[in-house]
Amino acid sequence: MSARNFSVSQDGQGVYHLEGELSIHELDKVKVFLEESLKGVGEVSLSLAKVRFIDTAALQLLIAFKRRLEPGAKLKISSVSDEVEDILSLCGLKASLL
């Protein structure tokens, strides 16, 4: 999956690595990716270690997606970049996502 400023790859352990910029312009692609990645599995693990920027719309999508998961399903964010960690801290959303 790729877009102008955003891409996703999966490693051998099943972790999805998001890279680039997560903004309102990529929300449809991110939403479809999240929904598809959860089909048939109980847990999806994301790494945001290579995300350079995330806006409030993308943060809202991740939080809303995490909150509406079926019982037993889990969205796990395994690592974040310094930029994303700063934004989460500033917004007071660290506990909601990590």
PDB file of N, CA and C in Angstrom:
ATOM      1  N   MET A   1       0.854  -1.176   0.000  1.00  0.00           N
ATOM      2  CA  MET A   1       0.000   0.000   0.000  1.00  0.00           C
ATOM      3  C   MET A   1       0.890   1.226   0.000  1.00  0.00           C
ATOM      4  N   SER A   2       0.634   2.139  -0.896  1.00  0.00           N
ATOM      5  CA  SER A   2       1.446   3.355  -0.883  1.00  0.00           C
ATOM      6  C   SER A   2       0.642   4.546  -1.373  1.00  0.00           C
ATOM      7  N   ALA A   3       1.062   5.685  -0.970  1.00  0.00           N
ATOM      8  CA  ALA A   3       0.467   6.947  -1.392  1.00  0.00           C
ATOM      9  C   ALA A   3       1.610   7.921  -1.611  1.00  0.00           C
ATOM     10  N   ARG A   4       1.293   9.121  -1.927  1.00  0.00           N
ATOM     11  CA  ARG A   4       2.316  10.116  -2.224  1.00  0.00           C
ATOM     12  C   ARG A   4       3.313  10.281  -1.075  1.00  0.00           C
ATOM     13  N   ASN A   5       2.836  10.388   0.160  1.00  0.00           N
ATOM     14  CA  ASN A   5       3.715  10.648   1.299  1.00  0.00           C
ATOM     15  C   ASN A   5       3.618   9.589   2.388  1.00  0.00           C
ATOM     16  N   PHE A   6       3.083   8.427   2.058  1.00  0.00           N
ATOM     17  CA  PHE A   6       2.776   7.439   3.075  1.00  0.00           C
ATOM     18  C   PHE A   6       2.912   6.041   2.488  1.00  0.00           C
ATOM     19  N   SER A   7       3.494   5.114   3.255  1.00  0.00           N
ATOM     20  CA  SER A   7       3.574   3.724   2.809  1.00  0.00           C
ATOM     21  C   SER A   7       3.505   2.780   4.010  1.00  0.00           C
ATOM     22  N   VAL A   8       3.172   1.526   3.715  1.00  0.00           N
ATOM     23  CA  VAL A   8       3.085   0.488   4.737  1.00  0.00           C
ATOM     24  C   VAL A   8       3.828  -0.738   4.230  1.00  0.00           C
ATOM     25  N   SER A   9       4.624  -1.345   5.103  1.00  0.00           N
ATOM     26  CA  SER A   9       5.265  -2.619   4.792  1.00  0.00           C
ATOM     27  C   SER A   9       5.124  -3.517   6.012  1.00  0.00           C
ATOM     28  N   GLN A  10       5.248  -4.815   5.803  1.00  0.00           N
ATOM     29  CA  GLN A  10       5.124  -5.768   6.908  1.00  0.00           C
ATOM     30  C   GLN A  10       6.408  -6.566   7.021  1.00  0.00           C
ATOM     31  N   ASP A  11       6.894  -6.730   8.254  1.00  0.00           N
ATOM     32  CA  ASP A  11       8.115  -7.502   8.452  1.00  0.00           C
ATOM     33  C   ASP A  11       7.793  -8.970   8.724  1.00  0.00           C
ATOM     34  N   GLY A  12       8.812  -9.765   8.938  1.00  0.00           N
ATOM     35  CA  GLY A  12       8.658 -11.201   9.158  1.00  0.00           C
ATOM     36  C   GLY A  12       7.927 -11.566  10.434  1.00  0.00           C
ATOM     37  N   GLN A  13       7.872 -10.669  11.394  1.00  0.00           N
ATOM     38  CA  GLN A  13       7.149 -10.922  12.639  1.00  0.00           C
ATOM     39  C   GLN A  13       5.694 -10.463  12.548  1.00  0.00           C
ATOM     40  N   GLY A  14       5.284  -9.931  11.409  1.00  0.00           N
ATOM     41  CA  GLY A  14       3.900  -9.503  11.227  1.00  0.00           C
ATOM     42  C   GLY A  14       3.620  -8.065  11.620  1.00  0.00           C
ATOM     43  N   VAL A  15       4.657  -7.317  11.991  1.00  0.00           N
ATOM     44  CA  VAL A  15       4.478  -5.915  12.370  1.00  0.00           C
ATOM     45  C   VAL A  15       4.363  -5.073  11.100  1.00  0.00           C
ATOM     46  N   TYR A  16       3.346  -4.227  11.059  1.00  0.00           N
ATOM     47  CA  TYR A  16       3.179  -3.297   9.949  1.00  0.00           C
ATOM     48  C   TYR A  16       3.944  -2.022  10.269  1.00  0.00           C
ATOM     49  N   HIS A  17       4.811  -1.619   9.362  1.00  0.00           N
ATOM     50  CA  HIS A  17       5.622  -0.415   9.532  1.00  0.00           C
ATOM     51  C   HIS A  17       5.042   0.692   8.655  1.00  0.00           C
ATOM     52  N   LEU A  18       4.508   1.718   9.302  1.00  0.00           N
ATOM     53  CA  LEU A  18       3.984   2.874   8.594  1.00  0.00           C
ATOM     54  C   LEU A  18       5.111   3.876   8.451  1.00  0.00           C
ATOM     55  N   GLU A  19       5.205   4.486   7.287  1.00  0.00           N
ATOM     56  CA  GLU A  19       6.307   5.402   7.021  1.00  0.00           C
ATOM     57  C   GLU A  19       5.802   6.626   6.267  1.00  0.00           C
ATOM     58  N   GLY A  20       6.340   7.774   6.644  1.00  0.00           N
ATOM     59  CA  GLY A  20       6.003   9.013   5.949  1.00  0.00           C
ATOM     60  C   GLY A  20       5.154   9.917   6.802  1.00  0.00           C
ATOM     61  N   GLU A  21       4.103  10.453   6.181  1.00  0.00           N
ATOM     62  CA  GLU A  21       3.230  11.417   6.848  1.00  0.00           C
ATOM     63  C   GLU A  21       1.807  10.878   6.884  1.00  0.00           C
ATOM     64  N   LEU A  22       1.223  10.868   8.074  1.00  0.00           N
ATOM     65  CA  LEU A  22      -0.173  10.452   8.237  1.00  0.00           C
ATOM     66  C   LEU A  22      -1.001  11.707   8.439  1.00  0.00           C
ATOM     67  N   SER A  23      -1.779  12.025   7.438  1.00  0.00           N
ATOM     68  CA  SER A  23      -2.592  13.237   7.525  1.00  0.00           C
ATOM     69  C   SER A  23      -3.987  12.963   6.989  1.00  0.00           C
ATOM     70  N   ILE A  24      -4.799  13.972   7.039  1.00  0.00           N
ATOM     71  CA  ILE A  24      -6.176  13.874   6.577  1.00  0.00           C
ATOM     72  C   ILE A  24      -6.243  13.383   5.126  1.00  0.00           C
ATOM     73  N   HIS A  25      -5.210  13.635   4.351  1.00  0.00           N
ATOM     74  CA  HIS A  25      -5.185  13.238   2.945  1.00  0.00           C
ATOM     75  C   HIS A  25      -5.058  11.729   2.758  1.00  0.00           C
ATOM     76  N   GLU A  26      -4.569  11.022   3.758  1.00  0.00           N
ATOM     77  CA  GLU A  26      -4.389   9.579   3.670  1.00  0.00           C
ATOM     78  C   GLU A  26      -5.415   8.793   4.479  1.00  0.00           C
ATOM     79  N   LEU A  27      -6.365   9.462   5.118  1.00  0.00           N
ATOM     80  CA  LEU A  27      -7.279   8.789   6.040  1.00  0.00           C
ATOM     81  C   LEU A  27      -8.043   7.638   5.412  1.00  0.00           C
ATOM     82  N   ASP A  28      -8.550   7.808   4.216  1.00  0.00           N
ATOM     83  CA  ASP A  28      -9.290   6.716   3.581  1.00  0.00           C
ATOM     84  C   ASP A  28      -8.408   5.493   3.400  1.00  0.00           C
ATOM     85  N   LYS A  29      -7.179   5.704   2.943  1.00  0.00           N
ATOM     86  CA  LYS A  29      -6.248   4.594   2.736  1.00  0.00           C
ATOM     87  C   LYS A  29      -5.881   3.927   4.065  1.00  0.00           C
ATOM     88  N   VAL A  30      -5.651   4.728   5.098  1.00  0.00           N
ATOM     89  CA  VAL A  30      -5.292   4.177   6.411  1.00  0.00           C
ATOM     90  C   VAL A  30      -6.469   3.385   6.988  1.00  0.00           C
ATOM     91  N   LYS A  31      -7.675   3.907   6.852  1.00  0.00           N
ATOM     92  CA  LYS A  31      -8.856   3.216   7.371  1.00  0.00           C
ATOM     93  C   LYS A  31      -9.044   1.862   6.689  1.00  0.00           C
ATOM     94  N   VAL A  32      -8.943   1.837   5.361  1.00  0.00           N
ATOM     95  CA  VAL A  32      -9.073   0.581   4.621  1.00  0.00           C
ATOM     96  C   VAL A  32      -7.967  -0.387   5.045  1.00  0.00           C
ATOM     97  N   PHE A  33      -6.741   0.111   5.162  1.00  0.00           N
ATOM     98  CA  PHE A  33      -5.628  -0.732   5.599  1.00  0.00           C
ATOM     99  C   PHE A  33      -5.910  -1.349   6.968  1.00  0.00           C
ATOM    100  N   LEU A  34      -6.350  -0.549   7.934  1.00  0.00           N
ATOM    101  CA  LEU A  34      -6.621  -1.057   9.281  1.00  0.00           C
ATOM    102  C   LEU A  34      -7.717  -2.115   9.262  1.00  0.00           C
ATOM    103  N   GLU A  35      -8.797  -1.848   8.551  1.00  0.00           N
ATOM    104  CA  GLU A  35      -9.899  -2.806   8.483  1.00  0.00           C
ATOM    105  C   GLU A  35      -9.459  -4.112   7.828  1.00  0.00           C
ATOM    106  N   GLU A  36      -8.716  -4.030   6.749  1.00  0.00           N
ATOM    107  CA  GLU A  36      -8.250  -5.225   6.051  1.00  0.00           C
ATOM    108  C   GLU A  36      -7.240  -6.017   6.881  1.00  0.00           C
ATOM    109  N   SER A  37      -6.374  -5.315   7.593  1.00  0.00           N
ATOM    110  CA  SER A  37      -5.323  -5.994   8.363  1.00  0.00           C
ATOM    111  C   SER A  37      -5.884  -6.785   9.538  1.00  0.00           C
ATOM    112  N   LEU A  38      -7.058  -6.419  10.036  1.00  0.00           N
ATOM    113  CA  LEU A  38      -7.646  -7.123  11.178  1.00  0.00           C
ATOM    114  C   LEU A  38      -8.460  -8.344  10.778  1.00  0.00           C
ATOM    115  N   LYS A  39      -8.748  -8.508   9.501  1.00  0.00           N
ATOM    116  CA  LYS A  39      -9.550  -9.652   9.062  1.00  0.00           C
ATOM    117  C   LYS A  39      -8.811 -10.951   9.333  1.00  0.00           C
ATOM    118  N   GLY A  40      -9.440 -11.809  10.120  1.00  0.00           N
ATOM    119  CA  GLY A  40      -8.885 -13.127  10.375  1.00  0.00           C
ATOM    120  C   GLY A  40      -7.795 -13.194  11.424  1.00  0.00           C
ATOM    121  N   VAL A  41      -7.453 -12.077  12.056  1.00  0.00           N
ATOM    122  CA  VAL A  41      -6.439 -12.095  13.114  1.00  0.00           C
ATOM    123  C   VAL A  41      -6.976 -11.372  14.336  1.00  0.00           C
ATOM    124  N   GLY A  42      -6.430 -11.679  15.482  1.00  0.00           N
ATOM    125  CA  GLY A  42      -6.888 -11.052  16.712  1.00  0.00           C
ATOM    126  C   GLY A  42      -6.127  -9.802  17.090  1.00  0.00           C
ATOM    127  N   GLU A  43      -4.924  -9.653  16.527  1.00  0.00           N
ATOM    128  CA  GLU A  43      -4.100  -8.507  16.902  1.00  0.00           C
ATOM    129  C   GLU A  43      -3.358  -7.959  15.692  1.00  0.00           C
ATOM    130  N   VAL A  44      -3.333  -6.656  15.596  1.00  0.00           N
ATOM    131  CA  VAL A  44      -2.542  -5.978  14.580  1.00  0.00           C
ATOM    132  C   VAL A  44      -1.517  -5.125  15.309  1.00  0.00           C
ATOM    133  N   SER A  45      -0.266  -5.297  14.932  1.00  0.00           N
ATOM    134  CA  SER A  45       0.816  -4.538  15.542  1.00  0.00           C
ATOM    135  C   SER A  45       1.352  -3.531  14.536  1.00  0.00           C
ATOM    136  N   LEU A  46       1.395  -2.268  14.948  1.00  0.00           N
ATOM    137  CA  LEU A  46       1.879  -1.185  14.096  1.00  0.00           C
ATOM    138  C   LEU A  46       3.143  -0.574  14.676  1.00  0.00           C
ATOM    139  N   SER A  47       4.036  -0.202  13.792  1.00  0.00           N
ATOM    140  CA  SER A  47       5.194   0.598  14.175  1.00  0.00           C
ATOM    141  C   SER A  47       5.056   1.952  13.489  1.00  0.00           C
ATOM    142  N   LEU A  48       5.124   2.995  14.285  1.00  0.00           N
ATOM    143  CA  LEU A  48       5.099   4.361  13.763  1.00  0.00           C
ATOM    144  C   LEU A  48       6.486   4.995  13.877  1.00  0.00           C
ATOM    145  N   ALA A  49       7.513   4.153  13.961  1.00  0.00           N
ATOM    146  CA  ALA A  49       8.882   4.639  14.161  1.00  0.00           C
ATOM    147  C   ALA A  49       9.390   5.470  12.990  1.00  0.00           C
ATOM    148  N   LYS A  50       8.821   5.277  11.799  1.00  0.00           N
ATOM    149  CA  LYS A  50       9.275   6.030  10.629  1.00  0.00           C
ATOM    150  C   LYS A  50       8.240   7.048  10.162  1.00  0.00           C
ATOM    151  N   VAL A  51       7.298   7.365  11.032  1.00  0.00           N
ATOM    152  CA  VAL A  51       6.304   8.391  10.710  1.00  0.00           C
ATOM    153  C   VAL A  51       6.881   9.743  11.107  1.00  0.00           C
ATOM    154  N   ARG A  52       7.002  10.623  10.125  1.00  0.00           N
ATOM    155  CA  ARG A  52       7.607  11.949  10.359  1.00  0.00           C
ATOM    156  C   ARG A  52       6.593  12.960  10.862  1.00  0.00           C
ATOM    157  N   PHE A  53       5.326  12.738  10.537  1.00  0.00           N
ATOM    158  CA  PHE A  53       4.281  13.691  10.900  1.00  0.00           C
ATOM    159  C   PHE A  53       2.958  12.950  11.021  1.00  0.00           C
ATOM    160  N   ILE A  54       2.153  13.333  12.007  1.00  0.00           N
ATOM    161  CA  ILE A  54       0.804  12.804  12.140  1.00  0.00           C
ATOM    162  C   ILE A  54      -0.084  13.958  12.580  1.00  0.00           C
ATOM    163  N   ASP A  55      -1.211  14.139  11.888  1.00  0.00           N
ATOM    164  CA  ASP A  55      -2.091  15.242  12.264  1.00  0.00           C
ATOM    165  C   ASP A  55      -3.224  14.735  13.151  1.00  0.00           C
ATOM    166  N   THR A  56      -4.037  15.656  13.646  1.00  0.00           N
ATOM    167  CA  THR A  56      -5.101  15.280  14.581  1.00  0.00           C
ATOM    168  C   THR A  56      -6.146  14.381  13.927  1.00  0.00           C
ATOM    169  N   ALA A  57      -6.391  14.535  12.647  1.00  0.00           N
ATOM    170  CA  ALA A  57      -7.363  13.676  11.966  1.00  0.00           C
ATOM    171  C   ALA A  57      -6.881  12.223  11.982  1.00  0.00           C
ATOM    172  N   ALA A  58      -5.599  11.993  11.720  1.00  0.00           N
ATOM    173  CA  ALA A  58      -5.048  10.639  11.738  1.00  0.00           C
ATOM    174  C   ALA A  58      -5.035  10.074  13.161  1.00  0.00           C
ATOM    175  N   LEU A  59      -4.724  10.915  14.143  1.00  0.00           N
ATOM    176  CA  LEU A  59      -4.776  10.469  15.543  1.00  0.00           C
ATOM    177  C   LEU A  59      -6.192  10.071  15.930  1.00  0.00           C
ATOM    178  N   GLN A  60      -7.171  10.872  15.524  1.00  0.00           N
ATOM    179  CA  GLN A  60      -8.572  10.548  15.821  1.00  0.00           C
ATOM    180  C   GLN A  60      -8.979   9.235  15.187  1.00  0.00           C
ATOM    181  N   LEU A  61      -8.532   8.990  13.958  1.00  0.00           N
ATOM    182  CA  LEU A  61      -8.846   7.730  13.289  1.00  0.00           C
ATOM    183  C   LEU A  61      -8.272   6.544  14.062  1.00  0.00           C
ATOM    184  N   LEU A  62      -7.021   6.632  14.465  1.00  0.00           N
ATOM    185  CA  LEU A  62      -6.398   5.534  15.211  1.00  0.00           C
ATOM    186  C   LEU A  62      -7.111   5.282  16.540  1.00  0.00           C
ATOM    187  N   ILE A  63      -7.434   6.345  17.250  1.00  0.00           N
ATOM    188  CA  ILE A  63      -8.124   6.199  18.538  1.00  0.00           C
ATOM    189  C   ILE A  63      -9.518   5.628  18.339  1.00  0.00           C
ATOM    190  N   ALA A  64     -10.263   6.142  17.372  1.00  0.00           N
ATOM    191  CA  ALA A  64     -11.618   5.641  17.108  1.00  0.00           C
ATOM    192  C   ALA A  64     -11.575   4.186  16.686  1.00  0.00           C
ATOM    193  N   PHE A  65     -10.614   3.835  15.836  1.00  0.00           N
ATOM    194  CA  PHE A  65     -10.498   2.453  15.388  1.00  0.00           C
ATOM    195  C   PHE A  65     -10.196   1.534  16.569  1.00  0.00           C
ATOM    196  N   LYS A  66      -9.288   1.957  17.416  1.00  0.00           N
ATOM    197  CA  LYS A  66      -8.913   1.150  18.585  1.00  0.00           C
ATOM    198  C   LYS A  66     -10.097   0.963  19.531  1.00  0.00           C
ATOM    199  N   ARG A  67     -10.896   2.004  19.709  1.00  0.00           N
ATOM    200  CA  ARG A  67     -12.031   1.945  20.634  1.00  0.00           C
ATOM    201  C   ARG A  67     -13.175   1.081  20.117  1.00  0.00           C
ATOM    202  N   ARG A  68     -13.324   0.966  18.807  1.00  0.00           N
ATOM    203  CA  ARG A  68     -14.459   0.220  18.269  1.00  0.00           C
ATOM    204  C   ARG A  68     -14.125  -1.223  17.888  1.00  0.00           C
ATOM    205  N   LEU A  69     -12.963  -1.692  18.277  1.00  0.00           N
ATOM    206  CA  LEU A  69     -12.586  -3.071  17.980  1.00  0.00           C
ATOM    207  C   LEU A  69     -13.525  -4.055  18.666  1.00  0.00           C
ATOM    208  N   GLU A  70     -13.726  -5.167  18.010  1.00  0.00           N
ATOM    209  CA  GLU A  70     -14.531  -6.249  18.580  1.00  0.00           C
ATOM    210  C   GLU A  70     -13.816  -6.810  19.808  1.00  0.00           C
ATOM    211  N   PRO A  71     -14.579  -7.393  20.745  1.00  0.00           N
ATOM    212  CA  PRO A  71     -13.932  -8.029  21.904  1.00  0.00           C
ATOM    213  C   PRO A  71     -12.910  -9.073  21.438  1.00  0.00           C
ATOM    214  N   GLY A  72     -11.768  -9.047  22.034  1.00  0.00           N
ATOM    215  CA  GLY A  72     -10.705  -9.982  21.680  1.00  0.00           C
ATOM    216  C   GLY A  72      -9.749  -9.454  20.621  1.00  0.00           C
ATOM    217  N   ALA A  73     -10.144  -8.443  19.880  1.00  0.00           N
ATOM    218  CA  ALA A  73      -9.264  -7.850  18.872  1.00  0.00           C
ATOM    219  C   ALA A  73      -8.422  -6.763  19.534  1.00  0.00           C
ATOM    220  N   LYS A  74      -7.223  -6.574  18.992  1.00  0.00           N
ATOM    221  CA  LYS A  74      -6.318  -5.614  19.617  1.00  0.00           C
ATOM    222  C   LYS A  74      -5.493  -4.890  18.558  1.00  0.00           C
ATOM    223  N   LEU A  75      -5.360  -3.586  18.725  1.00  0.00           N
ATOM    224  CA  LEU A  75      -4.463  -2.767  17.924  1.00  0.00           C
ATOM    225  C   LEU A  75      -3.328  -2.349  18.832  1.00  0.00           C
ATOM    226  N   LYS A  76      -2.125  -2.781  18.496  1.00  0.00           N
ATOM    227  CA  LYS A  76      -0.956  -2.508  19.335  1.00  0.00           C
ATOM    228  C   LYS A  76       0.017  -1.620  18.553  1.00  0.00           C
ATOM    229  N   ILE A  77       0.417  -0.525  19.159  1.00  0.00           N
ATOM    230  CA  ILE A  77       1.437   0.333  18.562  1.00  0.00           C
ATOM    231  C   ILE A  77       2.735   0.039  19.292  1.00  0.00           C
ATOM    232  N   SER A  78       3.655  -0.600  18.572  1.00  0.00           N
ATOM    233  CA  SER A  78       4.870  -1.103  19.210  1.00  0.00           C
ATOM    234  C   SER A  78       5.959  -0.052  19.363  1.00  0.00           C
ATOM    235  N   SER A  79       6.017   0.915  18.452  1.00  0.00           N
ATOM    236  CA  SER A  79       7.028   1.962  18.580  1.00  0.00           C
ATOM    237  C   SER A  79       6.574   3.195  17.814  1.00  0.00           C
ATOM    238  N   VAL A  80       7.091   4.339  18.243  1.00  0.00           N
ATOM    239  CA  VAL A  80       6.753   5.609  17.599  1.00  0.00           C
ATOM    240  C   VAL A  80       8.021   6.425  17.408  1.00  0.00           C
ATOM    241  N   SER A  81       8.002   7.288  16.418  1.00  0.00           N
ATOM    242  CA  SER A  81       9.128   8.200  16.200  1.00  0.00           C
ATOM    243  C   SER A  81       9.108   9.291  17.264  1.00  0.00           C
ATOM    244  N   ASP A  82      10.202   9.994  17.384  1.00  0.00           N
ATOM    245  CA  ASP A  82      10.261  11.115  18.328  1.00  0.00           C
ATOM    246  C   ASP A  82       9.205  12.167  17.993  1.00  0.00           C
ATOM    247  N   GLU A  83       8.986  12.400  16.686  1.00  0.00           N
ATOM    248  CA  GLU A  83       7.998  13.390  16.258  1.00  0.00           C
ATOM    249  C   GLU A  83       6.590  12.993  16.706  1.00  0.00           C
ATOM    250  N   VAL A  84       6.257  11.721  16.517  1.00  0.00           N
ATOM    251  CA  VAL A  84       4.925  11.243  16.912  1.00  0.00           C
ATOM    252  C   VAL A  84       4.789  11.266  18.428  1.00  0.00           C
ATOM    253  N   GLU A  85       5.830  10.874  19.136  1.00  0.00           N
ATOM    254  CA  GLU A  85       5.775  10.899  20.596  1.00  0.00           C
ATOM    255  C   GLU A  85       5.563  12.318  21.121  1.00  0.00           C
ATOM    256  N   ASP A  86       6.236  13.283  20.515  1.00  0.00           N
ATOM    257  CA  ASP A  86       6.053  14.686  20.906  1.00  0.00           C
ATOM    258  C   ASP A  86       4.609  15.132  20.690  1.00  0.00           C
ATOM    259  N   ILE A  87       4.044  14.780  19.540  1.00  0.00           N
ATOM    260  CA  ILE A  87       2.660  15.170  19.232  1.00  0.00           C
ATOM    261  C   ILE A  87       1.690  14.497  20.197  1.00  0.00           C
ATOM    262  N   LEU A  88       1.890  13.216  20.489  1.00  0.00           N
ATOM    263  CA  LEU A  88       1.029  12.510  21.437  1.00  0.00           C
ATOM    264  C   LEU A  88       1.107  13.150  22.818  1.00  0.00           C
ATOM    265  N   SER A  89       2.302  13.514  23.233  1.00  0.00           N
ATOM    266  CA  SER A  89       2.476  14.151  24.531  1.00  0.00           C
ATOM    267  C   SER A  89       1.788  15.510  24.582  1.00  0.00           C
ATOM    268  N   LEU A  90       1.988  16.304  23.546  1.00  0.00           N
ATOM    269  CA  LEU A  90       1.380  17.626  23.482  1.00  0.00           C
ATOM    270  C   LEU A  90      -0.146  17.565  23.501  1.00  0.00           C
ATOM    271  N   CYS A  91      -0.692  16.552  22.835  1.00  0.00           N
ATOM    272  CA  CYS A  91      -2.154  16.403  22.749  1.00  0.00           C
ATOM    273  C   CYS A  91      -2.731  15.652  23.946  1.00  0.00           C
ATOM    274  N   GLY A  92      -1.869  15.099  24.787  1.00  0.00           N
ATOM    275  CA  GLY A  92      -2.349  14.317  25.920  1.00  0.00           C
ATOM    276  C   GLY A  92      -2.962  12.985  25.505  1.00  0.00           C
ATOM    277  N   LEU A  93      -2.483  12.414  24.405  1.00  0.00           N
ATOM    278  CA  LEU A  93      -3.074  11.188  23.863  1.00  0.00           C
ATOM    279  C   LEU A  93      -2.168   9.958  23.989  1.00  0.00           C
ATOM    280  N   LYS A  94      -1.070  10.108  24.659  1.00  0.00           N
ATOM    281  CA  LYS A  94      -0.129   8.990  24.784  1.00  0.00           C
ATOM    282  C   LYS A  94      -0.799   7.751  25.385  1.00  0.00           C
ATOM    283  N   ALA A  95      -1.553   7.940  26.445  1.00  0.00           N
ATOM    284  CA  ALA A  95      -2.201   6.816  27.113  1.00  0.00           C
ATOM    285  C   ALA A  95      -3.304   6.196  26.257  1.00  0.00           C
ATOM    286  N   SER A  96      -3.896   6.968  25.367  1.00  0.00           N
ATOM    287  CA  SER A  96      -4.975   6.467  24.516  1.00  0.00           C
ATOM    288  C   SER A  96      -4.473   5.550  23.421  1.00  0.00           C
ATOM    289  N   LEU A  97      -3.235   5.726  22.997  1.00  0.00           N
ATOM    290  CA  LEU A  97      -2.709   4.933  21.880  1.00  0.00           C
ATOM    291  C   LEU A  97      -1.613   3.961  22.262  1.00  0.00           C
ATOM    292  N   LEU A  98      -0.803   4.284  23.234  1.00  0.00           N
ATOM    293  CA  LEU A  98       0.320   3.417  23.561  1.00  0.00           C
ATOM    294  C   LEU A  98       0.047   2.520  24.737  1.00  0.00           C
TER     295      LEU A  98
END
